[in-house]
Amino acid sequence: MRAPNIVTAPNVDPEENLERMRKGELYYAFVPDLIAERKRHFGMSEEGDDAQLTDLPIVEVPVKMDYGYNVKLGKGVYVNSNSTWIDTCEISVGERTLIGPNCSFYSGTHPLDPTIRNGTRGPESGKPITIGEDCWLGGNSTILPGVTIGKGSTVGAGSVVTKDVPPYHCVAGNPARIIRKIEVAGADDSGGEEVGADEAEASGAGAGDNEGEGVQVLAGEDAPTV
């Protein structure tokens, strides 16, 4: 296995960053001191002060996967605890995507006809799931077979995603429906609120090339909870 690349953490004052976190303001969670605090809290490391941020995916335990080898995670992906991956078919997650706690990905399915389904003795099938780069999935989201979530999109907490989500859109609900477009920082579009690149990153809003499509920003109070 290749050695991970060490990623430069944002240059922020640790005390100020911690205070911003406590106040519910925009802060950076993936800096060495806060990574170390989380590790110490769960007894994961005796050397938490040496915590480093790498470009490898981070998957918090516990995690449940049927096979594991059908789950493909890109660089910088973060998966919070208690995720479930029914990886009958491939489940791929693009770079820098954030996944909240208790999220489930179901690529497997069963026949509707109970005589064919036949409990554990019948056949199963599945469809792949594709999550694009720079997405954000709120806690307790469920992604069903065959779904593709486009780059830079956000899924509200507790949503059940049954259909494809276009790039740079926010969806929420059961079944999930489009709530709004997401404006990428710096996009030339008069229809939304602009934020700086660092603010967009800290708030979880996706950033990237939107191929000329105008989108609308998720400000802090509008963003689905992780």
C-alpha atoms as a PDB file:
ATOM      1  CA  MET A   1       0.000   0.000   0.000  1.00  0.00           C
ATOM      2  CA  ARG A   2       1.320   3.422  -0.918  1.00  0.00           C
ATOM      3  CA  ALA A   3       2.464   5.824   1.767  1.00  0.00           C
ATOM      4  CA  PRO A   4      -0.085   8.594   2.361  1.00  0.00           C
ATOM      5  CA  ASN A   5       0.644  12.147   1.309  1.00  0.00           C
ATOM      6  CA  ILE A   6       0.647  14.546   4.240  1.00  0.00           C
ATOM      7  CA  VAL A   7      -1.820  17.345   3.586  1.00  0.00           C
ATOM      8  CA  THR A   8      -1.110  20.865   4.821  1.00  0.00           C
ATOM      9  CA  ALA A   9      -3.686  21.844   7.429  1.00  0.00           C
ATOM     10  CA  PRO A  10      -5.343  25.272   7.259  1.00  0.00           C
ATOM     11  CA  ASN A  11      -3.179  27.934   8.907  1.00  0.00           C
ATOM     12  CA  VAL A  12      -5.431  28.966  11.802  1.00  0.00           C
ATOM     13  CA  ASP A  13      -4.872  29.904  15.429  1.00  0.00           C
ATOM     14  CA  PRO A  14      -5.790  26.772  17.478  1.00  0.00           C
ATOM     15  CA  GLU A  15      -7.381  28.671  20.371  1.00  0.00           C
ATOM     16  CA  GLU A  16      -9.388  30.935  18.097  1.00  0.00           C
ATOM     17  CA  ASN A  17     -10.459  27.949  15.989  1.00  0.00           C
ATOM     18  CA  LEU A  18     -11.589  26.066  19.123  1.00  0.00           C
ATOM     19  CA  GLU A  19     -13.536  29.084  20.354  1.00  0.00           C
ATOM     20  CA  ARG A  20     -15.271  29.411  16.998  1.00  0.00           C
ATOM     21  CA  MET A  21     -16.267  25.749  17.216  1.00  0.00           C
ATOM     22  CA  ARG A  22     -17.745  26.243  20.689  1.00  0.00           C
ATOM     23  CA  LYS A  23     -19.730  29.257  19.494  1.00  0.00           C
ATOM     24  CA  GLY A  24     -21.147  27.361  16.536  1.00  0.00           C
ATOM     25  CA  GLU A  25     -19.255  29.522  14.043  1.00  0.00           C
ATOM     26  CA  LEU A  26     -17.313  28.372  10.968  1.00  0.00           C
ATOM     27  CA  TYR A  27     -14.156  26.548  12.050  1.00  0.00           C
ATOM     28  CA  TYR A  28     -11.751  23.902  10.737  1.00  0.00           C
ATOM     29  CA  ALA A  29     -12.310  20.381  12.137  1.00  0.00           C
ATOM     30  CA  PHE A  30      -9.404  18.714  10.351  1.00  0.00           C
ATOM     31  CA  VAL A  31      -6.465  20.435  12.026  1.00  0.00           C
ATOM     32  CA  PRO A  32      -3.888  18.500  14.096  1.00  0.00           C
ATOM     33  CA  ASP A  33      -5.045  19.648  17.548  1.00  0.00           C
ATOM     34  CA  LEU A  34      -8.711  18.748  17.001  1.00  0.00           C
ATOM     35  CA  ILE A  35      -7.848  15.464  15.277  1.00  0.00           C
ATOM     36  CA  ALA A  36      -5.745  14.636  18.349  1.00  0.00           C
ATOM     37  CA  GLU A  37      -8.574  15.609  20.722  1.00  0.00           C
ATOM     38  CA  ARG A  38     -10.984  13.258  18.980  1.00  0.00           C
ATOM     39  CA  LYS A  39      -8.489  10.416  19.065  1.00  0.00           C
ATOM     40  CA  ARG A  40      -7.783  10.928  22.772  1.00  0.00           C
ATOM     41  CA  HIS A  41     -11.495  11.042  23.543  1.00  0.00           C
ATOM     42  CA  PHE A  42     -12.013   7.573  22.063  1.00  0.00           C
ATOM     43  CA  GLY A  43      -8.734   6.159  23.376  1.00  0.00           C
ATOM     44  CA  MET A  44      -7.518   5.528  19.842  1.00  0.00           C
ATOM     45  CA  SER A  45      -3.999   6.837  20.233  1.00  0.00           C
ATOM     46  CA  GLU A  46      -1.410   7.413  22.936  1.00  0.00           C
ATOM     47  CA  GLU A  47       0.356   9.820  20.612  1.00  0.00           C
ATOM     48  CA  GLY A  48      -2.578  11.974  19.602  1.00  0.00           C
ATOM     49  CA  ASP A  49      -0.507  15.160  19.594  1.00  0.00           C
ATOM     50  CA  ASP A  50       1.297  13.834  16.519  1.00  0.00           C
ATOM     51  CA  ALA A  51      -1.942  13.497  14.569  1.00  0.00           C
ATOM     52  CA  GLN A  52      -1.586  14.376  10.908  1.00  0.00           C
ATOM     53  CA  LEU A  53      -4.055  14.910   8.112  1.00  0.00           C
ATOM     54  CA  THR A  54      -3.401  12.743   5.060  1.00  0.00           C
ATOM     55  CA  ASP A  55      -5.057  12.453   1.680  1.00  0.00           C
ATOM     56  CA  LEU A  56      -6.244   8.919   2.472  1.00  0.00           C
ATOM     57  CA  PRO A  57      -9.955   8.373   3.192  1.00  0.00           C
ATOM     58  CA  ILE A  58     -10.964   8.515   6.856  1.00  0.00           C
ATOM     59  CA  VAL A  59     -13.630   6.031   7.994  1.00  0.00           C
ATOM     60  CA  GLU A  60     -14.758   6.205  11.618  1.00  0.00           C
ATOM     61  CA  VAL A  61     -15.726   2.951  13.350  1.00  0.00           C
ATOM     62  CA  PRO A  62     -17.998   1.136  13.695  1.00  0.00           C
ATOM     63  CA  VAL A  63     -18.586   0.463  10.023  1.00  0.00           C
ATOM     64  CA  LYS A  64     -20.450  -2.428   8.346  1.00  0.00           C
ATOM     65  CA  MET A  65     -19.676  -3.629   4.821  1.00  0.00           C
ATOM     66  CA  ASP A  66     -20.893  -6.810   3.136  1.00  0.00           C
ATOM     67  CA  TYR A  67     -17.705  -7.347   1.137  1.00  0.00           C
ATOM     68  CA  GLY A  68     -15.636  -4.168   1.288  1.00  0.00           C
ATOM     69  CA  TYR A  69     -13.876  -4.683  -2.027  1.00  0.00           C
ATOM     70  CA  ASN A  70     -16.818  -3.128  -3.881  1.00  0.00           C
ATOM     71  CA  VAL A  71     -16.499   0.131  -1.911  1.00  0.00           C
ATOM     72  CA  LYS A  72     -14.225   2.692  -3.595  1.00  0.00           C
ATOM     73  CA  LEU A  73     -13.366   5.850  -1.636  1.00  0.00           C
ATOM     74  CA  GLY A  74     -11.507   8.781  -3.202  1.00  0.00           C
ATOM     75  CA  LYS A  75      -8.803  10.956  -1.666  1.00  0.00           C
ATOM     76  CA  GLY A  76      -9.852  13.090   1.261  1.00  0.00           C
ATOM     77  CA  VAL A  77     -13.196  11.331   1.786  1.00  0.00           C
ATOM     78  CA  TYR A  78     -14.495  11.433   5.368  1.00  0.00           C
ATOM     79  CA  VAL A  79     -17.062   8.895   6.623  1.00  0.00           C
ATOM     80  CA  ASN A  80     -18.459   9.391  10.112  1.00  0.00           C
ATOM     81  CA  SER A  81     -19.371   6.504  12.436  1.00  0.00           C
ATOM     82  CA  ASN A  82     -22.010   3.776  12.026  1.00  0.00           C
ATOM     83  CA  SER A  83     -22.076   3.689   8.231  1.00  0.00           C
ATOM     84  CA  THR A  84     -23.552   0.671   6.425  1.00  0.00           C
ATOM     85  CA  TRP A  85     -22.470  -0.422   2.954  1.00  0.00           C
ATOM     86  CA  ILE A  86     -24.434  -3.182   1.198  1.00  0.00           C
ATOM     87  CA  ASP A  87     -21.882  -3.425  -1.590  1.00  0.00           C
ATOM     88  CA  THR A  88     -23.475  -6.052  -3.828  1.00  0.00           C
ATOM     89  CA  CYS A  89     -22.407  -3.783  -6.703  1.00  0.00           C
ATOM     90  CA  GLU A  90     -19.749  -1.088  -6.674  1.00  0.00           C
ATOM     91  CA  ILE A  91     -20.291   1.915  -4.412  1.00  0.00           C
ATOM     92  CA  SER A  92     -17.906   4.721  -5.343  1.00  0.00           C
ATOM     93  CA  VAL A  93     -17.403   7.988  -3.464  1.00  0.00           C
ATOM     94  CA  GLY A  94     -15.570  10.894  -5.096  1.00  0.00           C
ATOM     95  CA  GLU A  95     -12.733  12.889  -3.595  1.00  0.00           C
ATOM     96  CA  ARG A  96     -13.341  15.270  -0.678  1.00  0.00           C
ATOM     97  CA  THR A  97     -16.881  14.060  -0.062  1.00  0.00           C
ATOM     98  CA  LEU A  98     -18.142  14.244   3.539  1.00  0.00           C
ATOM     99  CA  ILE A  99     -20.532  11.604   4.918  1.00  0.00           C
ATOM    100  CA  GLY A 100     -22.344  12.132   8.219  1.00  0.00           C
ATOM    101  CA  PRO A 101     -23.004   9.511  10.913  1.00  0.00           C
ATOM    102  CA  ASN A 102     -25.416   6.608  10.450  1.00  0.00           C
ATOM    103  CA  CYS A 103     -25.515   6.818   6.652  1.00  0.00           C
ATOM    104  CA  SER A 104     -26.475   3.745   4.636  1.00  0.00           C
ATOM    105  CA  PHE A 105     -25.678   2.758   1.060  1.00  0.00           C
ATOM    106  CA  TYR A 106     -27.777  -0.081  -0.359  1.00  0.00           C
ATOM    107  CA  SER A 107     -26.646  -1.315  -3.771  1.00  0.00           C
ATOM    108  CA  GLY A 108     -28.362  -4.684  -3.337  1.00  0.00           C
ATOM    109  CA  THR A 109     -32.017  -5.481  -4.004  1.00  0.00           C
ATOM    110  CA  HIS A 110     -34.422  -8.435  -4.073  1.00  0.00           C
ATOM    111  CA  PRO A 111     -37.225  -9.596  -6.404  1.00  0.00           C
ATOM    112  CA  LEU A 112     -40.647  -8.184  -5.513  1.00  0.00           C
ATOM    113  CA  ASP A 113     -42.327 -11.551  -6.165  1.00  0.00           C
ATOM    114  CA  PRO A 114     -42.056 -13.398  -2.817  1.00  0.00           C
ATOM    115  CA  THR A 115     -42.099 -16.811  -4.497  1.00  0.00           C
ATOM    116  CA  ILE A 116     -38.936 -15.845  -6.364  1.00  0.00           C
ATOM    117  CA  ARG A 117     -37.420 -13.946  -3.435  1.00  0.00           C
ATOM    118  CA  ASN A 118     -37.791 -17.070  -1.280  1.00  0.00           C
ATOM    119  CA  GLY A 119     -36.067 -15.770   1.860  1.00  0.00           C
ATOM    120  CA  THR A 120     -32.355 -16.566   2.005  1.00  0.00           C
ATOM    121  CA  ARG A 121     -32.695 -19.249  -0.690  1.00  0.00           C
ATOM    122  CA  GLY A 122     -33.711 -16.956  -3.540  1.00  0.00           C
ATOM    123  CA  PRO A 123     -31.631 -14.826  -5.912  1.00  0.00           C
ATOM    124  CA  GLU A 124     -30.579 -11.227  -5.350  1.00  0.00           C
ATOM    125  CA  SER A 125     -29.478  -8.459  -7.697  1.00  0.00           C
ATOM    126  CA  GLY A 126     -28.134  -4.937  -7.445  1.00  0.00           C
ATOM    127  CA  LYS A 127     -27.233  -1.646  -9.086  1.00  0.00           C
ATOM    128  CA  PRO A 128     -24.110   0.489  -8.533  1.00  0.00           C
ATOM    129  CA  ILE A 129     -24.150   3.688  -6.478  1.00  0.00           C
ATOM    130  CA  THR A 130     -21.996   6.645  -7.515  1.00  0.00           C
ATOM    131  CA  ILE A 131     -21.325   9.665  -5.291  1.00  0.00           C
ATOM    132  CA  GLY A 132     -19.456  12.497  -7.018  1.00  0.00           C
ATOM    133  CA  GLU A 133     -16.622  14.660  -5.748  1.00  0.00           C
ATOM    134  CA  ASP A 134     -17.163  17.377  -3.130  1.00  0.00           C
ATOM    135  CA  CYS A 135     -20.536  16.099  -1.950  1.00  0.00           C
ATOM    136  CA  TRP A 136     -21.927  16.333   1.582  1.00  0.00           C
ATOM    137  CA  LEU A 137     -24.343  13.707   2.932  1.00  0.00           C
ATOM    138  CA  GLY A 138     -26.092  14.631   6.180  1.00  0.00           C
ATOM    139  CA  GLY A 139     -26.441  12.128   9.011  1.00  0.00           C
ATOM    140  CA  ASN A 140     -28.920   9.243   8.692  1.00  0.00           C
ATOM    141  CA  SER A 141     -29.119   9.583   4.914  1.00  0.00           C
ATOM    142  CA  THR A 142     -29.971   6.473   2.907  1.00  0.00           C
ATOM    143  CA  ILE A 143     -28.852   5.986  -0.700  1.00  0.00           C
ATOM    144  CA  LEU A 144     -30.733   3.335  -2.680  1.00  0.00           C
ATOM    145  CA  PRO A 145     -29.583   1.090  -5.578  1.00  0.00           C
ATOM    146  CA  GLY A 146     -28.651   2.705  -8.879  1.00  0.00           C
ATOM    147  CA  VAL A 147     -28.473   6.277  -7.568  1.00  0.00           C
ATOM    148  CA  THR A 148     -25.882   8.756  -8.855  1.00  0.00           C
ATOM    149  CA  ILE A 149     -25.286  11.938  -6.845  1.00  0.00           C
ATOM    150  CA  GLY A 150     -23.597  14.614  -8.931  1.00  0.00           C
ATOM    151  CA  LYS A 151     -20.494  16.575  -8.024  1.00  0.00           C
ATOM    152  CA  GLY A 152     -20.832  19.204  -5.313  1.00  0.00           C
ATOM    153  CA  SER A 153     -24.316  18.191  -4.195  1.00  0.00           C
ATOM    154  CA  THR A 154     -25.699  18.063  -0.647  1.00  0.00           C
ATOM    155  CA  VAL A 155     -28.149  15.570   0.883  1.00  0.00           C
ATOM    156  CA  GLY A 156     -30.128  16.744   3.921  1.00  0.00           C
ATOM    157  CA  ALA A 157     -30.008  14.740   7.141  1.00  0.00           C
ATOM    158  CA  GLY A 158     -32.454  11.834   7.254  1.00  0.00           C
ATOM    159  CA  SER A 159     -33.106  11.838   3.517  1.00  0.00           C
ATOM    160  CA  VAL A 160     -33.849   8.749   1.437  1.00  0.00           C
ATOM    161  CA  VAL A 161     -32.377   9.219  -2.030  1.00  0.00           C
ATOM    162  CA  THR A 162     -34.224   7.115  -4.605  1.00  0.00           C
ATOM    163  CA  LYS A 163     -33.332   8.994  -7.810  1.00  0.00           C
ATOM    164  CA  ASP A 164     -30.280  10.656  -9.333  1.00  0.00           C
ATOM    165  CA  VAL A 165     -29.234  14.073  -8.026  1.00  0.00           C
ATOM    166  CA  PRO A 166     -27.789  16.547 -10.566  1.00  0.00           C
ATOM    167  CA  PRO A 167     -24.469  18.282  -9.815  1.00  0.00           C
ATOM    168  CA  TYR A 168     -24.526  21.233  -7.412  1.00  0.00           C
ATOM    169  CA  HIS A 169     -28.007  20.702  -5.990  1.00  0.00           C
ATOM    170  CA  CYS A 170     -29.355  20.296  -2.472  1.00  0.00           C
ATOM    171  CA  VAL A 171     -31.936  17.556  -1.872  1.00  0.00           C
ATOM    172  CA  ALA A 172     -33.836  16.569   1.258  1.00  0.00           C
ATOM    173  CA  GLY A 173     -36.792  14.480   2.381  1.00  0.00           C
ATOM    174  CA  ASN A 174     -38.222  10.988   1.965  1.00  0.00           C
ATOM    175  CA  PRO A 175     -38.130  10.516  -0.918  1.00  0.00           C
ATOM    176  CA  ALA A 176     -35.478  13.184  -1.434  1.00  0.00           C
ATOM    177  CA  ARG A 177     -36.503  16.117  -3.621  1.00  0.00           C
ATOM    178  CA  ILE A 178     -34.516  19.036  -4.994  1.00  0.00           C
ATOM    179  CA  ILE A 179     -34.618  21.973  -2.571  1.00  0.00           C
ATOM    180  CA  ARG A 180     -32.320  24.421  -4.316  1.00  0.00           C
ATOM    181  CA  LYS A 181     -29.236  24.851  -6.441  1.00  0.00           C
ATOM    182  CA  ILE A 182     -25.880  25.470  -4.798  1.00  0.00           C
ATOM    183  CA  GLU A 183     -23.794  28.458  -5.766  1.00  0.00           C
ATOM    184  CA  VAL A 184     -20.080  27.777  -5.994  1.00  0.00           C
ATOM    185  CA  ALA A 185     -17.940  30.480  -4.385  1.00  0.00           C
ATOM    186  CA  GLY A 186     -16.947  33.124  -6.942  1.00  0.00           C
ATOM    187  CA  ALA A 187     -19.503  32.018  -9.545  1.00  0.00           C
ATOM    188  CA  ASP A 188     -20.715  34.885 -11.731  1.00  0.00           C
ATOM    189  CA  ASP A 189     -24.406  34.657 -10.894  1.00  0.00           C
ATOM    190  CA  SER A 190     -26.558  37.423  -9.443  1.00  0.00           C
ATOM    191  CA  GLY A 191     -29.118  34.993  -8.082  1.00  0.00           C
ATOM    192  CA  GLY A 192     -27.347  33.902  -4.920  1.00  0.00           C
ATOM    193  CA  GLU A 193     -25.148  34.784  -2.007  1.00  0.00           C
ATOM    194  CA  GLU A 194     -21.384  34.710  -2.482  1.00  0.00           C
ATOM    195  CA  VAL A 195     -18.997  33.457   0.164  1.00  0.00           C
ATOM    196  CA  GLY A 196     -15.236  33.212   0.290  1.00  0.00           C
ATOM    197  CA  ALA A 197     -13.500  29.965  -0.607  1.00  0.00           C
ATOM    198  CA  ASP A 198     -12.458  29.290   3.005  1.00  0.00           C
ATOM    199  CA  GLU A 199     -16.001  29.884   4.269  1.00  0.00           C
ATOM    200  CA  ALA A 200     -17.494  27.605   1.635  1.00  0.00           C
ATOM    201  CA  GLU A 201     -15.038  24.854   2.552  1.00  0.00           C
ATOM    202  CA  ALA A 202     -15.685  25.128   6.268  1.00  0.00           C
ATOM    203  CA  SER A 203     -19.463  25.173   5.831  1.00  0.00           C
ATOM    204  CA  GLY A 204     -19.392  21.999   3.731  1.00  0.00           C
ATOM    205  CA  ALA A 205     -20.572  23.649   0.530  1.00  0.00           C
ATOM    206  CA  GLY A 206     -19.072  21.956  -2.528  1.00  0.00           C
ATOM    207  CA  ALA A 207     -16.616  23.908  -4.636  1.00  0.00           C
ATOM    208  CA  GLY A 208     -15.395  23.189  -8.118  1.00  0.00           C
ATOM    209  CA  ASP A 209     -16.032  23.653 -11.816  1.00  0.00           C
ATOM    210  CA  ASN A 210     -19.767  23.895 -12.437  1.00  0.00           C
ATOM    211  CA  GLU A 211     -19.353  23.924 -16.204  1.00  0.00           C
ATOM    212  CA  GLY A 212     -21.080  27.287 -16.501  1.00  0.00           C
ATOM    213  CA  GLU A 213     -24.289  26.367 -14.700  1.00  0.00           C
ATOM    214  CA  GLY A 214     -25.537  29.019 -12.264  1.00  0.00           C
ATOM    215  CA  VAL A 215     -26.096  27.660  -8.775  1.00  0.00           C
ATOM    216  CA  GLN A 216     -27.102  29.008  -5.381  1.00  0.00           C
ATOM    217  CA  VAL A 217     -25.179  28.957  -2.105  1.00  0.00           C
ATOM    218  CA  LEU A 218     -26.002  27.023   1.044  1.00  0.00           C
ATOM    219  CA  ALA A 219     -25.452  29.541   3.819  1.00  0.00           C
ATOM    220  CA  GLY A 220     -24.804  28.183   7.285  1.00  0.00           C
ATOM    221  CA  GLU A 221     -28.384  28.218   8.596  1.00  0.00           C
ATOM    222  CA  ASP A 222     -29.709  26.752   5.332  1.00  0.00           C
ATOM    223  CA  ALA A 223     -27.308  23.838   5.178  1.00  0.00           C
ATOM    224  CA  PRO A 224     -28.704  20.415   6.115  1.00  0.00           C
ATOM    225  CA  THR A 225     -27.432  19.130   9.450  1.00  0.00           C
ATOM    226  CA  VAL A 226     -24.730  16.478   9.462  1.00  0.00           C
END
